[in-house]
Protein backbone atom coordinates (compact mmCIF):
# COMPACT_ATOMS: atom_id res chain seq x y z
CA MET A 1 1.81 27.12 -6.15
CA PRO A 2 0.13 23.78 -5.38
CA LYS A 3 -3.52 23.22 -6.22
CA ARG A 4 -5.94 23.62 -3.31
CA VAL A 5 -8.24 20.62 -3.01
CA GLU A 6 -11.02 19.73 -0.58
CA LEU A 7 -11.32 16.07 0.40
CA TYR A 8 -14.52 14.82 2.03
CA SER A 9 -14.64 11.28 3.30
CA ASP A 10 -16.81 8.90 5.29
CA GLY A 11 -16.82 5.24 6.20
CA ALA A 12 -19.57 2.87 7.25
CA CYS A 13 -19.83 -0.68 8.49
CA SER A 14 -22.65 -3.16 9.08
CA GLY A 15 -21.55 -4.72 12.33
CA ASN A 16 -18.16 -3.90 13.74
CA PRO A 17 -16.51 -5.95 12.34
CA GLY A 18 -18.59 -6.71 9.30
CA PRO A 19 -18.99 -5.67 5.68
CA GLY A 20 -18.04 -2.03 5.17
CA GLY A 21 -17.65 0.72 2.65
CA TRP A 22 -16.02 4.09 2.25
CA GLY A 23 -16.82 7.10 0.13
CA THR A 24 -14.62 10.05 -0.77
CA ILE A 25 -15.19 13.15 -2.87
CA LEU A 26 -12.29 15.32 -4.01
CA VAL A 27 -13.25 18.86 -5.04
CA TYR A 28 -11.01 21.11 -7.13
CA LYS A 29 -12.60 24.33 -8.39
CA ASP A 30 -15.80 23.16 -10.10
CA LYS A 31 -14.67 19.54 -10.62
CA GLU A 32 -15.36 16.51 -8.46
CA LEU A 33 -13.76 13.09 -8.33
CA VAL A 34 -15.98 10.55 -6.58
CA LEU A 35 -14.39 7.41 -5.17
CA SER A 36 -15.75 4.52 -3.13
CA GLY A 37 -14.87 0.99 -2.12
CA TYR A 38 -15.84 -2.11 -0.18
CA GLU A 39 -14.29 -4.59 2.25
CA ALA A 40 -16.05 -7.80 3.24
CA GLU A 41 -14.77 -7.96 6.82
CA THR A 42 -13.70 -4.68 8.36
CA THR A 43 -14.41 -2.06 11.00
CA ASN A 44 -15.95 1.39 10.88
CA ASN A 45 -12.66 3.04 11.88
CA ARG A 46 -10.80 1.19 9.15
CA MET A 47 -13.30 2.41 6.55
CA GLU A 48 -13.06 6.00 7.83
CA LEU A 49 -9.28 5.90 7.50
CA THR A 50 -9.33 4.08 4.15
CA GLY A 51 -11.46 6.82 2.60
CA VAL A 52 -8.92 9.50 3.52
CA VAL A 53 -5.94 7.42 2.39
CA ARG A 54 -7.52 6.47 -0.95
CA GLY A 55 -8.52 10.08 -1.58
CA LEU A 56 -4.99 11.36 -0.99
CA GLU A 57 -3.55 8.54 -3.10
CA ALA A 58 -5.74 9.65 -6.01
CA LEU A 59 -3.97 13.03 -6.19
CA LYS A 60 -1.43 12.97 -9.00
CA GLU A 61 0.63 15.97 -7.83
CA ARG A 62 1.49 17.79 -4.62
CA CYS A 63 -1.57 19.67 -3.35
CA GLU A 64 -2.81 21.70 -0.43
CA VAL A 65 -5.62 19.54 0.90
CA ASP A 66 -8.36 20.42 3.38
CA ILE A 67 -9.62 17.08 4.68
CA TYR A 68 -13.12 16.92 6.15
CA SER A 69 -14.25 13.88 8.12
CA ASP A 70 -16.81 13.10 10.77
CA SER A 71 -14.37 10.63 12.32
CA ARG A 72 -12.74 11.83 15.53
CA TYR A 73 -10.56 8.71 15.26
CA VAL A 74 -8.98 10.01 12.05
CA VAL A 75 -8.99 13.75 12.72
CA ASP A 76 -7.79 13.59 16.33
CA SER A 77 -5.09 11.00 15.54
CA VAL A 78 -3.47 13.52 13.20
CA ASN A 79 -4.35 16.85 14.84
CA LYS A 80 -3.46 15.71 18.37
CA GLY A 81 -0.22 14.09 17.20
CA TRP A 82 -1.05 10.53 18.21
CA LEU A 83 -0.07 9.23 14.77
CA TYR A 84 3.41 10.72 15.08
CA ASP A 85 3.74 9.43 18.66
CA TRP A 86 2.96 5.89 17.47
CA GLU A 87 5.56 6.14 14.74
CA ARG A 88 8.20 7.59 17.10
CA ARG A 89 7.58 4.73 19.59
CA GLY A 90 8.05 2.03 16.94
CA TRP A 91 4.33 1.75 16.21
CA LYS A 92 3.28 1.32 19.81
CA ASN A 93 0.53 3.30 21.52
CA SER A 94 0.66 4.56 25.10
CA GLN A 95 -0.33 1.05 26.30
CA LYS A 96 2.68 -0.36 24.40
CA LEU A 97 0.37 -2.10 21.91
CA GLU A 98 0.37 -1.79 18.14
CA PRO A 99 -2.29 0.73 17.13
CA PRO A 100 -5.16 -0.73 15.09
CA ASN A 101 -4.90 -0.18 11.34
CA ARG A 102 -1.15 0.33 11.42
CA ASP A 103 -0.86 -0.47 7.71
CA LEU A 104 -3.21 2.40 6.83
CA TRP A 105 -1.56 4.82 9.26
CA GLN A 106 1.80 4.06 7.66
CA ARG A 107 0.38 4.79 4.20
CA LEU A 108 -1.14 8.01 5.54
CA ILE A 109 2.16 9.26 6.98
CA VAL A 110 3.80 8.97 3.55
CA LEU A 111 0.90 10.89 1.99
CA LEU A 112 1.07 13.60 4.64
CA GLU A 113 4.71 14.18 3.69
CA ARG A 114 3.73 14.54 0.03
CA HIS A 115 0.84 16.97 0.52
CA GLU A 116 0.16 20.01 2.68
CA THR A 117 -2.87 18.94 4.70
CA SER A 118 -5.30 20.33 7.24
CA PHE A 119 -7.75 18.00 8.97
CA HIS A 120 -11.19 19.30 9.93
CA TRP A 121 -13.84 17.47 11.93
CA ILE A 122 -17.45 17.92 10.81
CA ARG A 123 -20.51 16.57 12.56
CA GLY A 124 -21.85 13.47 10.82
CA HIS A 125 -25.47 13.16 9.74
CA ALA A 126 -25.98 16.88 10.31
CA GLY A 127 -26.88 17.87 6.77
CA HIS A 128 -23.47 18.75 5.35
CA PRO A 129 -23.98 17.98 1.64
CA TYR A 130 -20.60 16.37 0.97
CA ASN A 131 -20.62 14.39 4.22
CA GLU A 132 -24.11 13.08 3.41
CA ARG A 133 -23.00 12.10 -0.10
CA CYS A 134 -19.91 10.32 1.21
CA ASP A 135 -22.02 8.46 3.77
CA ALA A 136 -24.44 7.38 1.03
CA LEU A 137 -21.53 6.12 -1.09
CA ALA A 138 -20.11 4.12 1.83
CA VAL A 139 -23.45 2.56 2.75
CA LYS A 140 -24.21 1.74 -0.90
CA GLU A 141 -20.91 -0.11 -1.18
CA TYR A 142 -21.60 -2.56 1.62
CA THR A 143 -25.36 -2.92 1.09
CA GLU A 144 -25.03 -3.73 -2.61
CA ARG A 145 -21.96 -5.95 -2.32
CA ALA A 146 -22.35 -7.79 0.99
């Protein structure tokens, strides 16, 4: 039976594009793994997606993962099947253009095959403790390093 893990993630950017950060917290039973990172020139959507990818990459074995994000871009792309449509069409969206952040989407697809995942949208800046912590991690990354 795989371990059941909760993954909370958020991304932030100063300007779009501009310096950005991401924050992710993995929760297993009473343990937490806190991760965060920075990119000098990025977008908010890229940071949102990076947080999820980096969180899943940190898992050392197959897990059942409930992923919580305030990013409709990330959650809807998976839950509404857009990600799989892009892949099936040779990484082209409905306008026949390459979807932004293709490199991260390709990493995510591999991770989704490795883990059993469920994506859940949560409202940002609405007081959810883990979402607020992830947001603070993301903002700290770009404010302290930019």
